[in-house]
Amino acid sequence: MEIQLWREILAPYQLAVDELKVKFEHIIREHRSAGLYSPIEQVIGRVKSISSILEKVQKKQCSINQIEEYLDDIAGIRIICQFVEDIDKVVDIIRNREDMTIKSEKDYINHMKPSGYRSYHMIINYTVNTMNGPKHIRAEIQIRTLAMNFWATIEHSLQYKYKQNMPAHIREKLSSASEAIIQLDEEMSAVRDEIMDAQNSFQIKANIVSDILNNIQNLYKIANKREIIKIQDEFYKVYQVGDIEQLAHFSKQLDIIAEGYRAQSLS
């Protein structure tokens, strides 16, 4: 393979990463817009660097011309969850999608690696449409909690530094930290319902406030300015109280006013 072809080969994988990130981020927005808890907290994507590809080629002892055949993780998506329980939900979401099919799965949550690494891996088949037509590629999706991701990021950096010669005392520290991560995830799961209730309440409040401000902005374009100032002052008073039910009631009353002016249809 000629060096100048690297960019052309990796371009469809970058397109896949960009598309997959948008799709998973949309799942987050859908849940939050509906006032629901999202099992996905964050999405990260990357295309494997050329240096990392070359290292893996050496490890797999394959030809550079065979990278698309032998490497499943040229395109990589990492989905971060808050709780261990969310991981199964995300796996089910991916299994039920029609725009990707699963090639393989590896459960390092229930079958932790000897190093202490924990994550759920899925290799998917995905199609992107390029200027040269459809391109069928494979992508790796890693699903883990915030705590698991912190540990894995540190471990990866140390593996890169020491290659295969990580000192024993550092391995011991990593192993100990991995046990602490497991305990942390278990503690967070124990108060999961309380955390979700708090986050859902915050999201519901944010959605109500967004609707109110949108109505006020639309009314400002067509309604009497004194009336709008009065509405704004009343909104600030209700907002300072912080009661969701009062905000919801205020929002409904404002909807009625906006309907009278046909302000809700304004962009």
C-alpha atoms as a PDB file:
ATOM      1  CA  MET A   1       0.000   0.000   0.000  1.00  0.00           C
ATOM      2  CA  GLU A   2       1.333   3.417  -0.941  1.00  0.00           C
ATOM      3  CA  ILE A   3       1.548   6.040   1.824  1.00  0.00           C
ATOM      4  CA  GLN A   4      -0.596   8.564  -0.066  1.00  0.00           C
ATOM      5  CA  LEU A   5      -3.513   6.109  -0.068  1.00  0.00           C
ATOM      6  CA  TRP A   6      -3.883   6.080   3.748  1.00  0.00           C
ATOM      7  CA  ARG A   7      -6.177   9.102   3.743  1.00  0.00           C
ATOM      8  CA  GLU A   8      -8.450   7.627   1.069  1.00  0.00           C
ATOM      9  CA  ILE A   9      -8.678   4.302   2.896  1.00  0.00           C
ATOM     10  CA  LEU A  10      -9.484   5.869   6.283  1.00  0.00           C
ATOM     11  CA  ALA A  11     -11.989   8.462   4.974  1.00  0.00           C
ATOM     12  CA  PRO A  12     -15.024   6.095   4.977  1.00  0.00           C
ATOM     13  CA  TYR A  13     -14.162   5.058   8.541  1.00  0.00           C
ATOM     14  CA  GLN A  14     -14.171   8.704   9.628  1.00  0.00           C
ATOM     15  CA  LEU A  15     -17.558   9.083   7.950  1.00  0.00           C
ATOM     16  CA  ALA A  16     -18.842   6.048   9.871  1.00  0.00           C
ATOM     17  CA  VAL A  17     -17.581   7.477  13.178  1.00  0.00           C
ATOM     18  CA  ASP A  18     -19.230  10.836  12.465  1.00  0.00           C
ATOM     19  CA  GLU A  19     -22.559   9.211  11.550  1.00  0.00           C
ATOM     20  CA  LEU A  20     -22.587   6.820  14.502  1.00  0.00           C
ATOM     21  CA  LYS A  21     -21.796   9.618  16.957  1.00  0.00           C
ATOM     22  CA  VAL A  22     -24.715  11.662  15.607  1.00  0.00           C
ATOM     23  CA  LYS A  23     -27.068   8.672  15.896  1.00  0.00           C
ATOM     24  CA  PHE A  24     -26.144   7.813  19.477  1.00  0.00           C
ATOM     25  CA  GLU A  25     -26.156  11.458  20.549  1.00  0.00           C
ATOM     26  CA  HIS A  26     -29.662  11.703  19.067  1.00  0.00           C
ATOM     27  CA  ILE A  27     -30.736   8.888  21.405  1.00  0.00           C
ATOM     28  CA  ILE A  28     -29.545  11.015  24.338  1.00  0.00           C
ATOM     29  CA  ARG A  29     -31.498  14.038  23.085  1.00  0.00           C
ATOM     30  CA  GLU A  30     -34.636  11.972  22.443  1.00  0.00           C
ATOM     31  CA  HIS A  31     -34.680  10.677  26.011  1.00  0.00           C
ATOM     32  CA  ARG A  32     -33.972  14.050  27.596  1.00  0.00           C
ATOM     33  CA  SER A  33     -36.467  15.913  25.415  1.00  0.00           C
ATOM     34  CA  ALA A  34     -39.123  13.461  26.580  1.00  0.00           C
ATOM     35  CA  GLY A  35     -38.112  14.026  30.201  1.00  0.00           C
ATOM     36  CA  LEU A  36     -36.660  10.507  30.425  1.00  0.00           C
ATOM     37  CA  TYR A  37     -33.399   9.208  31.811  1.00  0.00           C
ATOM     38  CA  SER A  38     -30.914   8.384  29.048  1.00  0.00           C
ATOM     39  CA  PRO A  39     -28.886   5.168  29.468  1.00  0.00           C
ATOM     40  CA  ILE A  40     -26.207   6.866  27.358  1.00  0.00           C
ATOM     41  CA  GLU A  41     -24.337   9.647  29.099  1.00  0.00           C
ATOM     42  CA  GLN A  42     -21.668  10.443  26.525  1.00  0.00           C
ATOM     43  CA  VAL A  43     -20.431   9.291  23.104  1.00  0.00           C
ATOM     44  CA  ILE A  44     -16.821   9.434  21.931  1.00  0.00           C
ATOM     45  CA  GLY A  45     -15.566   8.436  18.486  1.00  0.00           C
ATOM     46  CA  ARG A  46     -12.241   8.056  16.761  1.00  0.00           C
ATOM     47  CA  VAL A  47     -10.533   6.565  13.740  1.00  0.00           C
ATOM     48  CA  LYS A  48      -7.464   4.543  14.655  1.00  0.00           C
ATOM     49  CA  SER A  49      -4.276   6.480  14.005  1.00  0.00           C
ATOM     50  CA  ILE A  50      -1.897   5.237  11.328  1.00  0.00           C
ATOM     51  CA  SER A  51       0.783   4.510  13.947  1.00  0.00           C
ATOM     52  CA  SER A  52      -1.696   2.407  15.966  1.00  0.00           C
ATOM     53  CA  ILE A  53      -2.732   0.558  12.814  1.00  0.00           C
ATOM     54  CA  LEU A  54       0.901  -0.223  12.002  1.00  0.00           C
ATOM     55  CA  GLU A  55       1.463  -1.508  15.556  1.00  0.00           C
ATOM     56  CA  LYS A  56      -1.556  -3.789  15.266  1.00  0.00           C
ATOM     57  CA  VAL A  57      -0.409  -5.020  11.849  1.00  0.00           C
ATOM     58  CA  GLN A  58       2.861  -6.094  13.443  1.00  0.00           C
ATOM     59  CA  LYS A  59       1.039  -7.781  16.322  1.00  0.00           C
ATOM     60  CA  LYS A  60      -1.324  -9.671  14.016  1.00  0.00           C
ATOM     61  CA  GLN A  61       1.512 -10.412  11.578  1.00  0.00           C
ATOM     62  CA  CYS A  62      -0.578  -9.465   8.566  1.00  0.00           C
ATOM     63  CA  SER A  63       0.147  -7.366   5.506  1.00  0.00           C
ATOM     64  CA  ILE A  64      -0.628  -3.634   5.427  1.00  0.00           C
ATOM     65  CA  ASN A  65      -2.822  -4.379   2.423  1.00  0.00           C
ATOM     66  CA  GLN A  66      -4.963  -6.641   4.648  1.00  0.00           C
ATOM     67  CA  ILE A  67      -5.851  -4.124   7.375  1.00  0.00           C
ATOM     68  CA  GLU A  68      -9.513  -3.856   6.351  1.00  0.00           C
ATOM     69  CA  GLU A  69      -9.774  -7.631   6.447  1.00  0.00           C
ATOM     70  CA  TYR A  70      -8.021  -8.224   9.769  1.00  0.00           C
ATOM     71  CA  LEU A  71      -8.757  -5.084  11.818  1.00  0.00           C
ATOM     72  CA  ASP A  72     -12.231  -4.671  13.335  1.00  0.00           C
ATOM     73  CA  ASP A  73     -11.519  -1.455  15.223  1.00  0.00           C
ATOM     74  CA  ILE A  74     -10.284   1.023  12.619  1.00  0.00           C
ATOM     75  CA  ALA A  75     -13.496   2.901  13.414  1.00  0.00           C
ATOM     76  CA  GLY A  76     -14.235   3.061  17.128  1.00  0.00           C
ATOM     77  CA  ILE A  77     -17.162   4.367  19.167  1.00  0.00           C
ATOM     78  CA  ARG A  78     -17.115   4.536  22.963  1.00  0.00           C
ATOM     79  CA  ILE A  79     -20.429   4.851  24.769  1.00  0.00           C
ATOM     80  CA  ILE A  80     -20.184   6.008  28.377  1.00  0.00           C
ATOM     81  CA  CYS A  81     -22.939   5.173  30.866  1.00  0.00           C
ATOM     82  CA  GLN A  82     -23.509   6.286  34.441  1.00  0.00           C
ATOM     83  CA  PHE A  83     -24.476   2.886  35.835  1.00  0.00           C
ATOM     84  CA  VAL A  84     -23.580  -0.736  35.140  1.00  0.00           C
ATOM     85  CA  GLU A  85     -27.279  -1.489  34.614  1.00  0.00           C
ATOM     86  CA  ASP A  86     -27.352   0.966  31.703  1.00  0.00           C
ATOM     87  CA  ILE A  87     -24.870  -1.114  29.714  1.00  0.00           C
ATOM     88  CA  ASP A  88     -27.383  -3.913  29.059  1.00  0.00           C
ATOM     89  CA  LYS A  89     -29.936  -1.334  27.926  1.00  0.00           C
ATOM     90  CA  VAL A  90     -27.480   0.159  25.445  1.00  0.00           C
ATOM     91  CA  VAL A  91     -26.573  -3.310  24.148  1.00  0.00           C
ATOM     92  CA  ASP A  92     -30.278  -4.002  23.550  1.00  0.00           C
ATOM     93  CA  ILE A  93     -30.696  -0.673  21.747  1.00  0.00           C
ATOM     94  CA  ILE A  94     -27.849  -1.587  19.378  1.00  0.00           C
ATOM     95  CA  ARG A  95     -29.152  -5.128  18.828  1.00  0.00           C
ATOM     96  CA  ASN A  96     -32.562  -3.763  17.822  1.00  0.00           C
ATOM     97  CA  ARG A  97     -31.305  -1.203  15.314  1.00  0.00           C
ATOM     98  CA  GLU A  98     -31.861  -1.826  11.614  1.00  0.00           C
ATOM     99  CA  ASP A  99     -29.009   0.360  10.347  1.00  0.00           C
ATOM    100  CA  MET A 100     -26.270  -1.861  11.803  1.00  0.00           C
ATOM    101  CA  THR A 101     -25.767  -5.579  12.342  1.00  0.00           C
ATOM    102  CA  ILE A 102     -23.688  -7.283  15.007  1.00  0.00           C
ATOM    103  CA  LYS A 103     -20.692  -9.353  13.967  1.00  0.00           C
ATOM    104  CA  SER A 104     -19.502 -10.303  17.451  1.00  0.00           C
ATOM    105  CA  GLU A 105     -19.764  -9.419  21.153  1.00  0.00           C
ATOM    106  CA  LYS A 106     -17.370  -9.718  24.088  1.00  0.00           C
ATOM    107  CA  ASP A 107     -18.542  -9.244  27.666  1.00  0.00           C
ATOM    108  CA  TYR A 108     -15.642  -8.004  29.773  1.00  0.00           C
ATOM    109  CA  ILE A 109     -18.084  -6.781  32.425  1.00  0.00           C
ATOM    110  CA  ASN A 110     -19.000 -10.212  33.744  1.00  0.00           C
ATOM    111  CA  HIS A 111     -15.745 -11.746  32.479  1.00  0.00           C
ATOM    112  CA  MET A 112     -13.131  -9.217  33.506  1.00  0.00           C
ATOM    113  CA  LYS A 113      -9.687  -9.397  31.892  1.00  0.00           C
ATOM    114  CA  PRO A 114      -6.792 -10.482  34.174  1.00  0.00           C
ATOM    115  CA  SER A 115      -5.515  -6.888  34.058  1.00  0.00           C
ATOM    116  CA  GLY A 116      -8.750  -5.631  35.659  1.00  0.00           C
ATOM    117  CA  TYR A 117     -10.139  -4.217  32.414  1.00  0.00           C
ATOM    118  CA  ARG A 118     -13.951  -4.125  32.209  1.00  0.00           C
ATOM    119  CA  SER A 119     -16.058  -3.071  29.236  1.00  0.00           C
ATOM    120  CA  TYR A 120     -18.605  -4.485  26.794  1.00  0.00           C
ATOM    121  CA  HIS A 121     -17.380  -4.750  23.209  1.00  0.00           C
ATOM    122  CA  MET A 122     -19.471  -5.090  20.062  1.00  0.00           C
ATOM    123  CA  ILE A 123     -18.201  -5.333  16.486  1.00  0.00           C
ATOM    124  CA  ILE A 124     -20.839  -4.097  14.070  1.00  0.00           C
ATOM    125  CA  ASN A 125     -21.214  -4.121  10.306  1.00  0.00           C
ATOM    126  CA  TYR A 126     -22.148  -0.674   9.039  1.00  0.00           C
ATOM    127  CA  THR A 127     -22.610   0.864   5.597  1.00  0.00           C
ATOM    128  CA  VAL A 128     -21.627   4.391   4.612  1.00  0.00           C
ATOM    129  CA  ASN A 129     -22.430   6.070   1.303  1.00  0.00           C
ATOM    130  CA  THR A 130     -19.394   7.661  -0.301  1.00  0.00           C
ATOM    131  CA  MET A 131     -18.927   9.449  -3.634  1.00  0.00           C
ATOM    132  CA  ASN A 132     -17.835   6.077  -5.000  1.00  0.00           C
ATOM    133  CA  GLY A 133     -20.941   4.288  -3.738  1.00  0.00           C
ATOM    134  CA  PRO A 134     -21.755   2.240  -0.604  1.00  0.00           C
ATOM    135  CA  LYS A 135     -18.854   1.060   1.535  1.00  0.00           C
ATOM    136  CA  HIS A 136     -19.373  -1.802   3.983  1.00  0.00           C
ATOM    137  CA  ILE A 137     -17.119  -1.540   7.001  1.00  0.00           C
ATOM    138  CA  ARG A 138     -16.753  -2.855  10.540  1.00  0.00           C
ATOM    139  CA  ALA A 139     -16.663  -0.687  13.637  1.00  0.00           C
ATOM    140  CA  GLU A 140     -16.024  -1.434  17.287  1.00  0.00           C
ATOM    141  CA  ILE A 141     -18.377  -0.129  19.971  1.00  0.00           C
ATOM    142  CA  GLN A 142     -17.140  -0.123  23.572  1.00  0.00           C
ATOM    143  CA  ILE A 143     -19.730   0.367  26.297  1.00  0.00           C
ATOM    144  CA  ARG A 144     -18.620   1.118  29.847  1.00  0.00           C
ATOM    145  CA  THR A 145     -19.376   3.224  32.906  1.00  0.00           C
ATOM    146  CA  LEU A 146     -17.704   6.522  33.730  1.00  0.00           C
ATOM    147  CA  ALA A 147     -15.650   4.770  36.403  1.00  0.00           C
ATOM    148  CA  MET A 148     -14.586   1.941  34.069  1.00  0.00           C
ATOM    149  CA  ASN A 149     -13.597   4.479  31.426  1.00  0.00           C
ATOM    150  CA  PHE A 150     -11.402   6.376  33.902  1.00  0.00           C
ATOM    151  CA  TRP A 151      -9.545   3.181  34.811  1.00  0.00           C
ATOM    152  CA  ALA A 152      -9.230   2.003  31.180  1.00  0.00           C
ATOM    153  CA  THR A 153      -7.865   5.380  30.045  1.00  0.00           C
ATOM    154  CA  ILE A 154      -5.132   5.278  32.695  1.00  0.00           C
ATOM    155  CA  GLU A 155      -4.327   1.627  31.981  1.00  0.00           C
ATOM    156  CA  HIS A 156      -4.069   2.306  28.235  1.00  0.00           C
ATOM    157  CA  SER A 157      -1.620   5.164  28.822  1.00  0.00           C
ATOM    158  CA  LEU A 158       0.556   2.951  31.026  1.00  0.00           C
ATOM    159  CA  GLN A 159       0.430   0.092  28.521  1.00  0.00           C
ATOM    160  CA  TYR A 160       1.565   2.496  25.816  1.00  0.00           C
ATOM    161  CA  LYS A 161       4.438   3.711  27.975  1.00  0.00           C
ATOM    162  CA  TYR A 162       5.704   0.309  29.131  1.00  0.00           C
ATOM    163  CA  LYS A 163       4.570  -1.809  26.141  1.00  0.00           C
ATOM    164  CA  GLN A 164       4.692  -5.395  27.457  1.00  0.00           C
ATOM    165  CA  ASN A 165       7.062  -4.588  30.347  1.00  0.00           C
ATOM    166  CA  MET A 166       4.866  -2.862  32.919  1.00  0.00           C
ATOM    167  CA  PRO A 167       6.534  -3.036  36.369  1.00  0.00           C
ATOM    168  CA  ALA A 168       4.923  -5.447  38.840  1.00  0.00           C
ATOM    169  CA  HIS A 169       4.200  -2.761  41.445  1.00  0.00           C
ATOM    170  CA  ILE A 170       2.263  -0.708  38.875  1.00  0.00           C
ATOM    171  CA  ARG A 171       0.264  -3.770  37.826  1.00  0.00           C
ATOM    172  CA  GLU A 172      -0.609  -4.326  41.480  1.00  0.00           C
ATOM    173  CA  LYS A 173      -1.757  -0.720  41.852  1.00  0.00           C
ATOM    174  CA  LEU A 174      -3.911  -1.037  38.727  1.00  0.00           C
ATOM    175  CA  SER A 175      -5.425  -4.267  40.003  1.00  0.00           C
ATOM    176  CA  SER A 176      -6.220  -2.642  43.339  1.00  0.00           C
ATOM    177  CA  ALA A 177      -7.721   0.366  41.559  1.00  0.00           C
ATOM    178  CA  SER A 178      -9.850  -1.964  39.430  1.00  0.00           C
ATOM    179  CA  GLU A 179     -11.357  -3.498  42.571  1.00  0.00           C
ATOM    180  CA  ALA A 180     -12.080  -0.004  43.856  1.00  0.00           C
ATOM    181  CA  ILE A 181     -13.821   0.824  40.550  1.00  0.00           C
ATOM    182  CA  ILE A 182     -16.037  -2.250  40.916  1.00  0.00           C
ATOM    183  CA  GLN A 183     -16.980  -1.168  44.438  1.00  0.00           C
ATOM    184  CA  LEU A 184     -17.655   2.394  43.247  1.00  0.00           C
ATOM    185  CA  ASP A 185     -20.005   1.172  40.511  1.00  0.00           C
ATOM    186  CA  GLU A 186     -21.803  -1.031  43.036  1.00  0.00           C
ATOM    187  CA  GLU A 187     -22.214   1.884  45.457  1.00  0.00           C
ATOM    188  CA  MET A 188     -23.601   4.089  42.673  1.00  0.00           C
ATOM    189  CA  SER A 189     -26.028   1.333  41.650  1.00  0.00           C
ATOM    190  CA  ALA A 190     -27.291   1.190  45.247  1.00  0.00           C
ATOM    191  CA  VAL A 191     -28.482   4.806  45.011  1.00  0.00           C
ATOM    192  CA  ARG A 192     -29.323   4.675  41.305  1.00  0.00           C
ATOM    193  CA  ASP A 193     -33.049   5.372  41.729  1.00  0.00           C
ATOM    194  CA  GLU A 194     -32.408   8.484  43.822  1.00  0.00           C
ATOM    195  CA  ILE A 195     -29.822   9.794  41.343  1.00  0.00           C
ATOM    196  CA  MET A 196     -32.130   9.144  38.377  1.00  0.00           C
ATOM    197  CA  ASP A 197     -35.044  10.903  40.102  1.00  0.00           C
ATOM    198  CA  ALA A 198     -32.877  13.942  40.758  1.00  0.00           C
ATOM    199  CA  GLN A 199     -31.571  14.041  37.196  1.00  0.00           C
ATOM    200  CA  ASN A 200     -35.026  13.506  35.702  1.00  0.00           C
ATOM    201  CA  SER A 201     -36.436  16.339  37.812  1.00  0.00           C
ATOM    202  CA  PHE A 202     -33.657  18.620  36.607  1.00  0.00           C
ATOM    203  CA  GLN A 203     -34.296  17.665  32.959  1.00  0.00           C
ATOM    204  CA  ILE A 204     -38.066  18.124  33.262  1.00  0.00           C
ATOM    205  CA  LYS A 205     -37.516  21.558  34.800  1.00  0.00           C
ATOM    206  CA  ALA A 206     -35.065  22.473  32.037  1.00  0.00           C
ATOM    207  CA  ASN A 207     -37.574  21.436  29.353  1.00  0.00           C
ATOM    208  CA  ILE A 208     -40.384  23.471  30.955  1.00  0.00           C
ATOM    209  CA  VAL A 209     -38.162  26.545  31.265  1.00  0.00           C
ATOM    210  CA  SER A 210     -37.073  26.159  27.636  1.00  0.00           C
ATOM    211  CA  ASP A 211     -40.721  26.083  26.500  1.00  0.00           C
ATOM    212  CA  ILE A 212     -41.552  29.142  28.604  1.00  0.00           C
ATOM    213  CA  LEU A 213     -38.629  31.170  27.275  1.00  0.00           C
ATOM    214  CA  ASN A 214     -39.461  30.163  23.703  1.00  0.00           C
ATOM    215  CA  ASN A 215     -43.047  31.389  24.152  1.00  0.00           C
ATOM    216  CA  ILE A 216     -41.896  34.650  25.727  1.00  0.00           C
ATOM    217  CA  GLN A 217     -39.465  35.219  22.867  1.00  0.00           C
ATOM    218  CA  ASN A 218     -42.203  34.614  20.278  1.00  0.00           C
ATOM    219  CA  LEU A 219     -44.694  36.821  22.121  1.00  0.00           C
ATOM    220  CA  TYR A 220     -42.141  39.616  22.285  1.00  0.00           C
ATOM    221  CA  LYS A 221     -42.327  39.865  18.482  1.00  0.00           C
ATOM    222  CA  ILE A 222     -46.070  40.476  18.321  1.00  0.00           C
ATOM    223  CA  ALA A 223     -47.584  41.188  21.755  1.00  0.00           C
ATOM    224  CA  ASN A 224     -47.795  44.337  23.850  1.00  0.00           C
ATOM    225  CA  LYS A 225     -44.379  45.040  25.378  1.00  0.00           C
ATOM    226  CA  ARG A 226     -45.827  45.945  28.791  1.00  0.00           C
ATOM    227  CA  GLU A 227     -47.683  42.645  28.866  1.00  0.00           C
ATOM    228  CA  ILE A 228     -44.464  40.776  28.019  1.00  0.00           C
ATOM    229  CA  ILE A 229     -42.548  42.563  30.786  1.00  0.00           C
ATOM    230  CA  LYS A 230     -45.295  41.602  33.219  1.00  0.00           C
ATOM    231  CA  ILE A 231     -45.111  37.968  32.068  1.00  0.00           C
ATOM    232  CA  GLN A 232     -41.317  37.984  32.430  1.00  0.00           C
ATOM    233  CA  ASP A 233     -41.523  39.375  35.971  1.00  0.00           C
ATOM    234  CA  GLU A 234     -44.061  36.718  36.913  1.00  0.00           C
ATOM    235  CA  PHE A 235     -41.853  34.023  35.394  1.00  0.00           C
ATOM    236  CA  TYR A 236     -38.834  35.139  37.452  1.00  0.00           C
ATOM    237  CA  LYS A 237     -40.908  34.965  40.635  1.00  0.00           C
ATOM    238  CA  VAL A 238     -42.119  31.433  39.851  1.00  0.00           C
ATOM    239  CA  TYR A 239     -38.636  30.337  38.793  1.00  0.00           C
ATOM    240  CA  GLN A 240     -37.066  31.561  42.031  1.00  0.00           C
ATOM    241  CA  VAL A 241     -39.467  29.402  44.037  1.00  0.00           C
ATOM    242  CA  GLY A 242     -38.116  26.413  42.102  1.00  0.00           C
ATOM    243  CA  ASP A 243     -41.305  24.336  42.263  1.00  0.00           C
ATOM    244  CA  ILE A 244     -41.773  22.218  39.107  1.00  0.00           C
ATOM    245  CA  GLU A 245     -45.574  22.068  39.457  1.00  0.00           C
ATOM    246  CA  GLN A 246     -45.807  25.863  39.622  1.00  0.00           C
ATOM    247  CA  LEU A 247     -43.541  26.160  36.581  1.00  0.00           C
ATOM    248  CA  ALA A 248     -45.651  23.622  34.680  1.00  0.00           C
ATOM    249  CA  HIS A 249     -48.845  25.533  35.564  1.00  0.00           C
ATOM    250  CA  PHE A 250     -47.262  28.821  34.470  1.00  0.00           C
ATOM    251  CA  SER A 251     -46.155  27.178  31.203  1.00  0.00           C
ATOM    252  CA  LYS A 252     -49.702  25.964  30.453  1.00  0.00           C
ATOM    253  CA  GLN A 253     -51.155  29.421  31.126  1.00  0.00           C
ATOM    254  CA  LEU A 254     -48.514  30.935  28.854  1.00  0.00           C
ATOM    255  CA  ASP A 255     -49.385  28.391  26.151  1.00  0.00           C
ATOM    256  CA  ILE A 256     -52.978  29.667  26.216  1.00  0.00           C
ATOM    257  CA  ILE A 257     -51.777  33.255  25.822  1.00  0.00           C
ATOM    258  CA  ALA A 258     -49.403  32.260  23.008  1.00  0.00           C
ATOM    259  CA  GLU A 259     -52.186  30.381  21.212  1.00  0.00           C
ATOM    260  CA  GLY A 260     -54.326  33.501  21.342  1.00  0.00           C
ATOM    261  CA  TYR A 261     -51.589  35.434  19.535  1.00  0.00           C
ATOM    262  CA  ARG A 262     -50.711  32.417  17.361  1.00  0.00           C
ATOM    263  CA  ALA A 263     -47.176  32.919  18.640  1.00  0.00           C
ATOM    264  CA  GLN A 264     -46.333  29.239  19.003  1.00  0.00           C
ATOM    265  CA  SER A 265     -46.004  28.879  15.235  1.00  0.00           C
ATOM    266  CA  LEU A 266     -43.307  31.549  15.073  1.00  0.00           C
ATOM    267  CA  SER A 267     -39.740  30.373  14.656  1.00  0.00           C
END
